[in-house]
Each structure stands twice: as structure tokens, then as C-alpha cells.
């Protein structure tokens, strides 16, 4: 039994050494420097993100940060997380001040960044409207006022030409929900999770309003375009596959919820099914 235990521990040790060599290679740091008693500083991965409660919290917790911490072992590296406005966060990675940008919509990609092949999350973009507003297809938007957050390019997903409807760009989800419930918009287009969470947090009654399924969107991780960023992207993509195959990703989703503090089993199943199909193609 002691011989077997020795072999198991030795195998674990070798795997750990291999991980150290891999990640230090990615960070362009000599593995020897980590073991040197004169150098106790761990290499760092610098992450820039917007503060999204429940996803990227100020204390370093949240769904997205938990996923990254599960991929990049904090025993080996330091994850330096900076919270800042969206444009500044993305710009800091574009200009190589930081390594990773969380998160990017597929509709707003920057040509100055490289993006993960595997999304960190997927979301349902729905048409939020009054129960009295009839919707059948995109032609129902004709002559109506549609709202969505400034910067999103949802018009690319609407088959009806923009000239057939009016568009109002709101500053944030809260403004959109308020305008819709006050009758100032006919439709507010956004992620169903975000609308529900915003209404809940601001005590806005939406029981007389409904969600019509719109389209699915993926959320990507952006990386700096230098050598370090390209190698971190490889490690992220491989890490996501490992999290999924080991069942750890499912555990993380059920722990944090796809909507902060709300466990939506149907949406979790949708996300896991998406990853299953994605990985089966590779």
C-alpha cells in the first residue's frame, strides 16, 4: 500500500511540475526562477474587467473570475484584477497594459485583440415587451420603437431593415427596463438574465411584461495580441475543455448561478449542451 501511495504522490508531483513549466513558459519566465529562494515573486496575469456584480465582483469573486481562477492556478501565478469602465478596460489590453479582457460580446469585437475560441458564457437575448404587445416575427417591429444599450449592434440580428423601425440607445439596462415599463419603448432588447436581475434589484414589477425569444449570443474572453496573450489564449481554451470534461464547470455554474444568486437549471442545461456540441466538433 505504501508503494502504491508513493507512486500516486510521485505522479501528482510530476503533473504539478509539468504545470509549473507550462505556465512559466507561457509567461516567458524561467521555471528555475520560481524555485530559486532568491525569487519568491510569482508571475502575474493581469485582468481588466468591468464590475459586473455576481460575475466580476470587487473582492475577486464571481462566476467569470472563478472560472479563470480554476484555469490559472493561483498557487503558481498571481491574478491581478483591475475593475474599470468598459472602454478603458478593453483599451488597456489593446495597448498591452493588461493581458486579459472580460468579457466581450461577439457583436463588439475589437480588431486589436485576439479572442478565445471557447466562450466563457452564453446568453439569451430576448425581446422584452408588454403582454399587450403582439409579436409574431421581425415584421412586428415595423413602426415600433426598439431600445437597446448603446454600443450593442443588435440591428445585425434583426431581419427587418432599420428604416422600418425607430431605435433608441439607452445608457444601461436599468434605463431600458424603466422606459419599457413606463411605455416609452415598445421593445427593449437585452439579455434575459440581465433584465430579470435589474428588475429584481430595483424592485421593478415586470409581471405584466413578457420575454419573447430573440437570439443567442456568446461572451468571449479577449487577450492581448502579443506572445503572452496568444499563449494565454491557448491555455484558456484547453482549460475550459478540462473544466467541462471533469464536471467542474457544471459545479461552478450551480454554485454561482447563471444569474447571480439565481440557479436557473434550464439555462445551465442550455450552456452545458452548448459546450458539449462545441467540444464534440473538435
C-alpha atoms as a PDB file:
ATOM      1  CA  UNK A   1       0.000   0.000   0.000  1.00  0.00           C
ATOM      2  CA  UNK A   2       2.837   2.398   0.866  1.00  0.00           C
ATOM      3  CA  UNK A   3       4.484   1.710  -2.508  1.00  0.00           C
ATOM      4  CA  UNK A   4       1.216   2.437  -4.324  1.00  0.00           C
ATOM      5  CA  UNK A   5       0.727   5.659  -2.351  1.00  0.00           C
ATOM      6  CA  UNK A   6       4.293   6.675  -3.169  1.00  0.00           C
ATOM      7  CA  UNK A   7       3.655   6.160  -6.890  1.00  0.00           C
ATOM      8  CA  UNK A   8       0.424   8.175  -6.767  1.00  0.00           C
ATOM      9  CA  UNK A   9       2.085  11.058  -4.933  1.00  0.00           C
ATOM     10  CA  UNK A  10       5.006  10.961  -7.332  1.00  0.00           C
ATOM     11  CA  UNK A  11       2.638  11.117 -10.309  1.00  0.00           C
ATOM     12  CA  UNK A  12       0.829  14.092  -8.790  1.00  0.00           C
ATOM     13  CA  UNK A  13       4.146  15.815  -8.143  1.00  0.00           C
ATOM     14  CA  UNK A  14       5.268  15.284 -11.738  1.00  0.00           C
ATOM     15  CA  UNK A  15       1.950  16.687 -13.030  1.00  0.00           C
ATOM     16  CA  UNK A  16       2.370  19.717 -10.797  1.00  0.00           C
ATOM     17  CA  UNK A  17       5.940  20.280 -12.053  1.00  0.00           C
ATOM     18  CA  UNK A  18       4.691  19.961 -15.640  1.00  0.00           C
ATOM     19  CA  UNK A  19       2.028  22.589 -14.920  1.00  0.00           C
ATOM     20  CA  UNK A  20       4.609  24.980 -13.473  1.00  0.00           C
ATOM     21  CA  UNK A  21       6.850  24.551 -16.507  1.00  0.00           C
ATOM     22  CA  UNK A  22       3.892  25.098 -18.854  1.00  0.00           C
ATOM     23  CA  UNK A  23       2.599  28.253 -17.235  1.00  0.00           C
ATOM     24  CA  UNK A  24       6.015  29.789 -16.686  1.00  0.00           C
ATOM     25  CA  UNK A  25       6.775  29.112 -20.323  1.00  0.00           C
ATOM     26  CA  UNK A  26       3.581  30.933 -21.224  1.00  0.00           C
ATOM     27  CA  UNK A  27       4.571  33.872 -19.066  1.00  0.00           C
ATOM     28  CA  UNK A  28       8.076  33.877 -20.540  1.00  0.00           C
ATOM     29  CA  UNK A  29       9.698  33.256 -17.167  1.00  0.00           C
ATOM     30  CA  UNK A  30      12.322  30.645 -16.449  1.00  0.00           C
ATOM     31  CA  UNK A  31      10.997  27.723 -14.354  1.00  0.00           C
ATOM     32  CA  UNK A  32      14.239  27.844 -12.371  1.00  0.00           C
ATOM     33  CA  UNK A  33      13.429  31.356 -11.159  1.00  0.00           C
ATOM     34  CA  UNK A  34      10.299  30.071  -9.406  1.00  0.00           C
ATOM     35  CA  UNK A  35      12.218  27.566  -7.345  1.00  0.00           C
ATOM     36  CA  UNK A  36      15.047  29.939  -6.512  1.00  0.00           C
ATOM     37  CA  UNK A  37      14.954  31.023  -2.851  1.00  0.00           C
ATOM     38  CA  UNK A  38      16.085  34.454  -4.010  1.00  0.00           C
ATOM     39  CA  UNK A  39      12.939  34.901  -6.121  1.00  0.00           C
ATOM     40  CA  UNK A  40       9.659  34.417  -4.268  1.00  0.00           C
ATOM     41  CA  UNK A  41       7.572  36.609  -6.586  1.00  0.00           C
ATOM     42  CA  UNK A  42       5.012  34.691  -8.610  1.00  0.00           C
ATOM     43  CA  UNK A  43       4.471  35.659 -12.251  1.00  0.00           C
ATOM     44  CA  UNK A  44       1.288  37.621 -12.836  1.00  0.00           C
ATOM     45  CA  UNK A  45      -1.615  37.582 -15.254  1.00  0.00           C
ATOM     46  CA  UNK A  46      -3.239  40.999 -15.462  1.00  0.00           C
ATOM     47  CA  UNK A  47      -7.003  41.030 -15.972  1.00  0.00           C
ATOM     48  CA  UNK A  48      -9.048  44.115 -16.861  1.00  0.00           C
ATOM     49  CA  UNK A  49     -12.801  43.940 -16.495  1.00  0.00           C
ATOM     50  CA  UNK A  50     -15.938  45.900 -15.827  1.00  0.00           C
ATOM     51  CA  UNK A  51     -17.579  45.427 -12.434  1.00  0.00           C
ATOM     52  CA  UNK A  52     -20.494  43.098 -13.137  1.00  0.00           C
ATOM     53  CA  UNK A  53     -21.994  42.089  -9.777  1.00  0.00           C
ATOM     54  CA  UNK A  54     -22.117  38.326  -9.496  1.00  0.00           C
ATOM     55  CA  UNK A  55     -19.765  37.850 -12.428  1.00  0.00           C
ATOM     56  CA  UNK A  56     -16.737  40.039 -11.636  1.00  0.00           C
ATOM     57  CA  UNK A  57     -17.006  41.221  -8.047  1.00  0.00           C
ATOM     58  CA  UNK A  58     -14.768  43.753  -6.339  1.00  0.00           C
ATOM     59  CA  UNK A  59     -13.471  41.116  -3.914  1.00  0.00           C
ATOM     60  CA  UNK A  60     -12.260  38.893  -6.761  1.00  0.00           C
ATOM     61  CA  UNK A  61     -15.205  36.509  -6.621  1.00  0.00           C
ATOM     62  CA  UNK A  62     -17.925  35.963  -9.208  1.00  0.00           C
ATOM     63  CA  UNK A  63     -18.738  33.471 -11.951  1.00  0.00           C
ATOM     64  CA  UNK A  64     -16.246  34.634 -14.595  1.00  0.00           C
ATOM     65  CA  UNK A  65     -13.368  35.190 -12.179  1.00  0.00           C
ATOM     66  CA  UNK A  66     -13.974  31.799 -10.560  1.00  0.00           C
ATOM     67  CA  UNK A  67     -13.689  30.155 -13.971  1.00  0.00           C
ATOM     68  CA  UNK A  68     -10.388  31.921 -14.675  1.00  0.00           C
ATOM     69  CA  UNK A  69      -9.046  31.047 -11.226  1.00  0.00           C
ATOM     70  CA  UNK A  70      -9.905  27.407 -11.908  1.00  0.00           C
ATOM     71  CA  UNK A  71      -7.893  27.522 -15.130  1.00  0.00           C
ATOM     72  CA  UNK A  72      -4.914  29.575 -13.946  1.00  0.00           C
ATOM     73  CA  UNK A  73      -3.659  28.078 -10.681  1.00  0.00           C
ATOM     74  CA  UNK A  74      -3.150  30.849  -8.109  1.00  0.00           C
ATOM     75  CA  UNK A  75      -0.571  28.671  -6.349  1.00  0.00           C
ATOM     76  CA  UNK A  76       1.651  29.255  -9.360  1.00  0.00           C
ATOM     77  CA  UNK A  77       0.605  32.672 -10.665  1.00  0.00           C
ATOM     78  CA  UNK A  78      -0.929  35.850  -9.317  1.00  0.00           C
ATOM     79  CA  UNK A  79      -4.127  37.073 -10.938  1.00  0.00           C
ATOM     80  CA  UNK A  80      -4.101  40.865 -10.767  1.00  0.00           C
ATOM     81  CA  UNK A  81      -7.674  42.024 -11.338  1.00  0.00           C
ATOM     82  CA  UNK A  82      -8.447  45.652 -12.200  1.00  0.00           C
ATOM     83  CA  UNK A  83     -12.030  46.923 -12.362  1.00  0.00           C
ATOM     84  CA  UNK A  84     -12.614  49.855 -14.691  1.00  0.00           C
ATOM     85  CA  UNK A  85     -15.104  51.186 -17.257  1.00  0.00           C
ATOM     86  CA  UNK A  86     -15.671  49.036 -20.334  1.00  0.00           C
ATOM     87  CA  UNK A  87     -13.811  51.129 -22.911  1.00  0.00           C
ATOM     88  CA  UNK A  88     -10.828  51.744 -20.636  1.00  0.00           C
ATOM     89  CA  UNK A  89     -10.612  48.064 -19.713  1.00  0.00           C
ATOM     90  CA  UNK A  90     -10.562  46.981 -23.336  1.00  0.00           C
ATOM     91  CA  UNK A  91      -8.127  49.743 -24.299  1.00  0.00           C
ATOM     92  CA  UNK A  92      -5.711  48.647 -21.559  1.00  0.00           C
ATOM     93  CA  UNK A  93      -5.493  45.195 -23.151  1.00  0.00           C
ATOM     94  CA  UNK A  94      -5.321  46.597 -26.682  1.00  0.00           C
ATOM     95  CA  UNK A  95      -2.279  48.637 -25.621  1.00  0.00           C
ATOM     96  CA  UNK A  96      -0.665  45.690 -23.769  1.00  0.00           C
ATOM     97  CA  UNK A  97      -1.056  47.254 -20.315  1.00  0.00           C
ATOM     98  CA  UNK A  98      -3.076  44.181 -19.294  1.00  0.00           C
ATOM     99  CA  UNK A  99      -3.292  40.621 -20.598  1.00  0.00           C
ATOM    100  CA  UNK A 100      -6.965  39.604 -20.444  1.00  0.00           C
ATOM    101  CA  UNK A 101     -10.220  41.490 -21.033  1.00  0.00           C
ATOM    102  CA  UNK A 102     -13.523  40.266 -19.561  1.00  0.00           C
ATOM    103  CA  UNK A 103     -15.872  39.940 -21.351  1.00  0.00           C
ATOM    104  CA  UNK A 104     -16.565  40.773 -24.978  1.00  0.00           C
ATOM    105  CA  UNK A 105     -19.795  40.399 -26.891  1.00  0.00           C
ATOM    106  CA  UNK A 106     -19.477  38.777 -30.292  1.00  0.00           C
ATOM    107  CA  UNK A 107     -21.095  41.941 -31.677  1.00  0.00           C
ATOM    108  CA  UNK A 108     -18.458  44.334 -30.341  1.00  0.00           C
ATOM    109  CA  UNK A 109     -15.134  42.644 -31.109  1.00  0.00           C
ATOM    110  CA  UNK A 110     -12.029  44.792 -31.332  1.00  0.00           C
ATOM    111  CA  UNK A 111      -9.659  44.097 -34.222  1.00  0.00           C
ATOM    112  CA  UNK A 112      -6.789  44.932 -31.840  1.00  0.00           C
ATOM    113  CA  UNK A 113      -7.478  41.928 -29.587  1.00  0.00           C
ATOM    114  CA  UNK A 114      -7.454  38.191 -30.122  1.00  0.00           C
ATOM    115  CA  UNK A 115     -10.357  36.204 -28.714  1.00  0.00           C
ATOM    116  CA  UNK A 116     -10.961  32.851 -27.125  1.00  0.00           C
ATOM    117  CA  UNK A 117     -12.233  30.094 -29.383  1.00  0.00           C
ATOM    118  CA  UNK A 118     -14.368  28.911 -26.481  1.00  0.00           C
ATOM    119  CA  UNK A 119     -16.795  31.409 -24.924  1.00  0.00           C
ATOM    120  CA  UNK A 120     -16.832  31.875 -21.181  1.00  0.00           C
ATOM    121  CA  UNK A 121     -20.620  32.133 -21.221  1.00  0.00           C
ATOM    122  CA  UNK A 122     -23.627  32.255 -23.500  1.00  0.00           C
ATOM    123  CA  UNK A 123     -26.752  34.312 -23.052  1.00  0.00           C
ATOM    124  CA  UNK A 124     -30.222  34.612 -24.450  1.00  0.00           C
ATOM    125  CA  UNK A 125     -31.021  37.971 -25.990  1.00  0.00           C
ATOM    126  CA  UNK A 126     -34.778  38.429 -25.716  1.00  0.00           C
ATOM    127  CA  UNK A 127     -37.393  40.922 -26.799  1.00  0.00           C
ATOM    128  CA  UNK A 128     -38.866  42.343 -23.595  1.00  0.00           C
ATOM    129  CA  UNK A 129     -42.299  43.870 -24.070  1.00  0.00           C
ATOM    130  CA  UNK A 130     -45.764  44.344 -22.641  1.00  0.00           C
ATOM    131  CA  UNK A 131     -48.096  41.355 -22.670  1.00  0.00           C
ATOM    132  CA  UNK A 132     -50.474  43.547 -24.688  1.00  0.00           C
ATOM    133  CA  UNK A 133     -47.917  43.931 -27.484  1.00  0.00           C
ATOM    134  CA  UNK A 134     -48.355  41.228 -30.107  1.00  0.00           C
ATOM    135  CA  UNK A 135     -45.216  39.709 -31.594  1.00  0.00           C
ATOM    136  CA  UNK A 136     -45.039  37.116 -34.361  1.00  0.00           C
ATOM    137  CA  UNK A 137     -41.778  37.787 -36.195  1.00  0.00           C
ATOM    138  CA  UNK A 138     -39.463  40.671 -37.098  1.00  0.00           C
ATOM    139  CA  UNK A 139     -42.215  42.382 -39.086  1.00  0.00           C
ATOM    140  CA  UNK A 140     -43.902  43.071 -35.736  1.00  0.00           C
ATOM    141  CA  UNK A 141     -41.187  45.690 -35.150  1.00  0.00           C
ATOM    142  CA  UNK A 142     -42.468  47.779 -38.064  1.00  0.00           C
ATOM    143  CA  UNK A 143     -43.277  51.307 -36.902  1.00  0.00           C
ATOM    144  CA  UNK A 144     -42.292  50.475 -33.305  1.00  0.00           C
ATOM    145  CA  UNK A 145     -39.603  51.941 -31.058  1.00  0.00           C
ATOM    146  CA  UNK A 146     -36.889  49.468 -30.115  1.00  0.00           C
ATOM    147  CA  UNK A 147     -34.329  50.124 -27.422  1.00  0.00           C
ATOM    148  CA  UNK A 148     -31.027  48.532 -26.506  1.00  0.00           C
ATOM    149  CA  UNK A 149     -27.866  49.545 -24.688  1.00  0.00           C
ATOM    150  CA  UNK A 150     -25.594  51.925 -26.559  1.00  0.00           C
ATOM    151  CA  UNK A 151     -22.674  50.090 -28.161  1.00  0.00           C
ATOM    152  CA  UNK A 152     -24.550  46.886 -28.925  1.00  0.00           C
ATOM    153  CA  UNK A 153     -25.237  46.179 -32.572  1.00  0.00           C
ATOM    154  CA  UNK A 154     -28.389  44.120 -32.268  1.00  0.00           C
ATOM    155  CA  UNK A 155     -29.672  45.516 -35.566  1.00  0.00           C
ATOM    156  CA  UNK A 156     -27.392  42.961 -37.218  1.00  0.00           C
ATOM    157  CA  UNK A 157     -29.602  40.203 -35.819  1.00  0.00           C
ATOM    158  CA  UNK A 158     -32.903  41.772 -36.883  1.00  0.00           C
ATOM    159  CA  UNK A 159     -34.014  40.790 -40.374  1.00  0.00           C
ATOM    160  CA  UNK A 160     -36.234  43.863 -40.751  1.00  0.00           C
ATOM    161  CA  UNK A 161     -34.366  46.871 -42.264  1.00  0.00           C
ATOM    162  CA  UNK A 162     -33.573  49.610 -39.743  1.00  0.00           C
ATOM    163  CA  UNK A 163     -35.600  52.114 -41.743  1.00  0.00           C
ATOM    164  CA  UNK A 164     -38.772  50.243 -40.750  1.00  0.00           C
ATOM    165  CA  UNK A 165     -38.459  50.876 -37.004  1.00  0.00           C
ATOM    166  CA  UNK A 166     -37.173  53.509 -34.585  1.00  0.00           C
ATOM    167  CA  UNK A 167     -34.131  52.892 -32.405  1.00  0.00           C
ATOM    168  CA  UNK A 168     -33.359  54.403 -29.016  1.00  0.00           C
ATOM    169  CA  UNK A 169     -29.984  53.694 -27.406  1.00  0.00           C
ATOM    170  CA  UNK A 170     -30.141  53.626 -23.609  1.00  0.00           C
ATOM    171  CA  UNK A 171     -27.180  54.076 -21.285  1.00  0.00           C
ATOM    172  CA  UNK A 172     -27.739  50.883 -19.312  1.00  0.00           C
ATOM    173  CA  UNK A 173     -30.191  48.061 -18.669  1.00  0.00           C
ATOM    174  CA  UNK A 174     -31.915  49.910 -15.833  1.00  0.00           C
ATOM    175  CA  UNK A 175     -32.819  52.808 -18.109  1.00  0.00           C
ATOM    176  CA  UNK A 176     -34.139  50.384 -20.708  1.00  0.00           C
ATOM    177  CA  UNK A 177     -36.297  48.483 -18.220  1.00  0.00           C
ATOM    178  CA  UNK A 178     -37.704  51.724 -16.804  1.00  0.00           C
ATOM    179  CA  UNK A 179     -38.523  53.138 -20.241  1.00  0.00           C
ATOM    180  CA  UNK A 180     -40.208  49.907 -21.312  1.00  0.00           C
ATOM    181  CA  UNK A 181     -42.325  49.597 -18.170  1.00  0.00           C
ATOM    182  CA  UNK A 182     -43.248  53.294 -18.448  1.00  0.00           C
ATOM    183  CA  UNK A 183     -44.476  52.805 -22.012  1.00  0.00           C
ATOM    184  CA  UNK A 184     -41.724  54.865 -23.630  1.00  0.00           C
ATOM    185  CA  UNK A 185     -40.399  51.871 -25.577  1.00  0.00           C
ATOM    186  CA  UNK A 186     -42.316  49.163 -27.408  1.00  0.00           C
ATOM    187  CA  UNK A 187     -39.492  46.646 -27.095  1.00  0.00           C
ATOM    188  CA  UNK A 188     -36.333  46.551 -25.031  1.00  0.00           C
ATOM    189  CA  UNK A 189     -33.765  44.108 -26.392  1.00  0.00           C
ATOM    190  CA  UNK A 190     -31.230  42.692 -23.972  1.00  0.00           C
ATOM    191  CA  UNK A 191     -30.124  39.556 -22.151  1.00  0.00           C
ATOM    192  CA  UNK A 192     -32.995  37.997 -20.267  1.00  0.00           C
ATOM    193  CA  UNK A 193     -30.799  37.335 -17.204  1.00  0.00           C
ATOM    194  CA  UNK A 194     -29.744  40.973 -17.031  1.00  0.00           C
ATOM    195  CA  UNK A 195     -33.289  42.290 -17.336  1.00  0.00           C
ATOM    196  CA  UNK A 196     -34.599  39.969 -14.623  1.00  0.00           C
ATOM    197  CA  UNK A 197     -31.711  40.769 -12.298  1.00  0.00           C
ATOM    198  CA  UNK A 198     -32.047  44.530 -12.832  1.00  0.00           C
ATOM    199  CA  UNK A 199     -35.799  44.456 -12.217  1.00  0.00           C
ATOM    200  CA  UNK A 200     -35.296  42.374  -9.069  1.00  0.00           C
ATOM    201  CA  UNK A 201     -32.554  44.609  -7.662  1.00  0.00           C
ATOM    202  CA  UNK A 202     -34.541  47.795  -8.293  1.00  0.00           C
ATOM    203  CA  UNK A 203     -37.954  46.480  -7.193  1.00  0.00           C
ATOM    204  CA  UNK A 204     -39.489  46.962 -10.635  1.00  0.00           C
ATOM    205  CA  UNK A 205     -42.644  44.909 -11.147  1.00  0.00           C
ATOM    206  CA  UNK A 206     -42.498  43.135 -14.523  1.00  0.00           C
ATOM    207  CA  UNK A 207     -45.306  40.610 -14.054  1.00  0.00           C
ATOM    208  CA  UNK A 208     -47.366  42.301 -16.792  1.00  0.00           C
ATOM    209  CA  UNK A 209     -44.486  42.075 -19.235  1.00  0.00           C
ATOM    210  CA  UNK A 210     -43.115  39.144 -21.153  1.00  0.00           C
ATOM    211  CA  UNK A 211     -39.983  37.847 -22.857  1.00  0.00           C
ATOM    212  CA  UNK A 212     -40.063  36.684 -26.455  1.00  0.00           C
ATOM    213  CA  UNK A 213     -37.110  34.579 -27.531  1.00  0.00           C
ATOM    214  CA  UNK A 214     -34.755  36.556 -29.722  1.00  0.00           C
ATOM    215  CA  UNK A 215     -31.363  35.034 -30.394  1.00  0.00           C
ATOM    216  CA  UNK A 216     -28.377  33.524 -28.635  1.00  0.00           C
ATOM    217  CA  UNK A 217     -25.122  35.375 -28.079  1.00  0.00           C
ATOM    218  CA  UNK A 218     -21.738  34.222 -26.865  1.00  0.00           C
ATOM    219  CA  UNK A 219     -19.413  36.063 -24.489  1.00  0.00           C
ATOM    220  CA  UNK A 220     -15.738  35.843 -25.341  1.00  0.00           C
ATOM    221  CA  UNK A 221     -12.520  36.422 -23.433  1.00  0.00           C
ATOM    222  CA  UNK A 222     -10.208  38.957 -25.058  1.00  0.00           C
ATOM    223  CA  UNK A 223      -6.428  38.587 -24.951  1.00  0.00           C
ATOM    224  CA  UNK A 224      -3.560  40.914 -25.774  1.00  0.00           C
ATOM    225  CA  UNK A 225      -2.134  40.406 -29.251  1.00  0.00           C
ATOM    226  CA  UNK A 226       1.437  39.778 -28.074  1.00  0.00           C
ATOM    227  CA  UNK A 227       3.118  36.415 -27.490  1.00  0.00           C
ATOM    228  CA  UNK A 228       1.962  36.224 -23.883  1.00  0.00           C
ATOM    229  CA  UNK A 229      -1.646  36.865 -24.880  1.00  0.00           C
ATOM    230  CA  UNK A 230      -1.575  34.227 -27.612  1.00  0.00           C
ATOM    231  CA  UNK A 231      -0.192  31.617 -25.229  1.00  0.00           C
ATOM    232  CA  UNK A 232      -2.668  32.534 -22.505  1.00  0.00           C
ATOM    233  CA  UNK A 233      -5.470  32.039 -25.024  1.00  0.00           C
ATOM    234  CA  UNK A 234      -4.253  28.503 -25.736  1.00  0.00           C
ATOM    235  CA  UNK A 235      -4.146  27.758 -22.026  1.00  0.00           C
ATOM    236  CA  UNK A 236      -7.641  29.200 -21.523  1.00  0.00           C
ATOM    237  CA  UNK A 237      -9.141  27.154 -24.374  1.00  0.00           C
ATOM    238  CA  UNK A 238      -7.558  23.950 -23.082  1.00  0.00           C
ATOM    239  CA  UNK A 239      -8.567  24.802 -19.524  1.00  0.00           C
ATOM    240  CA  UNK A 240     -12.221  25.258 -20.470  1.00  0.00           C
ATOM    241  CA  UNK A 241     -12.238  21.826 -22.093  1.00  0.00           C
ATOM    242  CA  UNK A 242     -10.801  20.306 -18.923  1.00  0.00           C
ATOM    243  CA  UNK A 243     -13.321  22.098 -16.684  1.00  0.00           C
ATOM    244  CA  UNK A 244     -16.180  20.802 -18.804  1.00  0.00           C
ATOM    245  CA  UNK A 245     -14.967  17.211 -19.132  1.00  0.00           C
ATOM    246  CA  UNK A 246     -14.193  16.942 -15.407  1.00  0.00           C
ATOM    247  CA  UNK A 247     -17.609  18.262 -14.357  1.00  0.00           C
ATOM    248  CA  UNK A 248     -16.028  21.199 -12.557  1.00  0.00           C
ATOM    249  CA  UNK A 249     -17.652  23.743 -14.868  1.00  0.00           C
ATOM    250  CA  UNK A 250     -21.091  22.353 -14.048  1.00  0.00           C
ATOM    251  CA  UNK A 251     -20.303  22.630 -10.336  1.00  0.00           C
ATOM    252  CA  UNK A 252     -19.222  26.256 -10.773  1.00  0.00           C
ATOM    253  CA  UNK A 253     -22.426  27.124 -12.652  1.00  0.00           C
ATOM    254  CA  UNK A 254     -24.608  25.572  -9.957  1.00  0.00           C
ATOM    255  CA  UNK A 255     -22.582  27.277  -7.227  1.00  0.00           C
ATOM    256  CA  UNK A 256     -22.786  30.780  -8.684  1.00  0.00           C
ATOM    257  CA  UNK A 257     -25.875  30.622 -10.893  1.00  0.00           C
ATOM    258  CA  UNK A 258     -26.065  31.953 -14.432  1.00  0.00           C
ATOM    259  CA  UNK A 259     -27.901  34.878 -12.882  1.00  0.00           C
ATOM    260  CA  UNK A 260     -26.142  35.881  -9.649  1.00  0.00           C
ATOM    261  CA  UNK A 261     -27.784  34.106  -6.704  1.00  0.00           C
ATOM    262  CA  UNK A 262     -30.422  32.587  -9.002  1.00  0.00           C
ATOM    263  CA  UNK A 263     -29.988  28.953 -10.065  1.00  0.00           C
ATOM    264  CA  UNK A 264     -31.667  28.623 -13.463  1.00  0.00           C
ATOM    265  CA  UNK A 265     -31.372  24.895 -14.154  1.00  0.00           C
ATOM    266  CA  UNK A 266     -32.798  25.225 -17.659  1.00  0.00           C
ATOM    267  CA  UNK A 267     -30.224  27.854 -18.636  1.00  0.00           C
ATOM    268  CA  UNK A 268     -27.403  25.836 -17.064  1.00  0.00           C
ATOM    269  CA  UNK A 269     -28.527  22.835 -19.123  1.00  0.00           C
ATOM    270  CA  UNK A 270     -28.541  25.038 -22.231  1.00  0.00           C
ATOM    271  CA  UNK A 271     -24.994  26.224 -21.524  1.00  0.00           C
ATOM    272  CA  UNK A 272     -23.668  22.718 -20.856  1.00  0.00           C
ATOM    273  CA  UNK A 273     -25.360  21.413 -24.005  1.00  0.00           C
ATOM    274  CA  UNK A 274     -23.730  24.226 -25.986  1.00  0.00           C
ATOM    275  CA  UNK A 275     -20.277  23.246 -24.713  1.00  0.00           C
ATOM    276  CA  UNK A 276     -20.981  19.566 -25.350  1.00  0.00           C
ATOM    277  CA  UNK A 277     -21.758  20.250 -29.006  1.00  0.00           C
ATOM    278  CA  UNK A 278     -18.810  22.629 -29.331  1.00  0.00           C
ATOM    279  CA  UNK A 279     -16.264  20.179 -27.938  1.00  0.00           C
ATOM    280  CA  UNK A 280     -17.660  17.242 -29.910  1.00  0.00           C
ATOM    281  CA  UNK A 281     -16.799  19.122 -33.100  1.00  0.00           C
ATOM    282  CA  UNK A 282     -13.123  19.381 -32.133  1.00  0.00           C
END
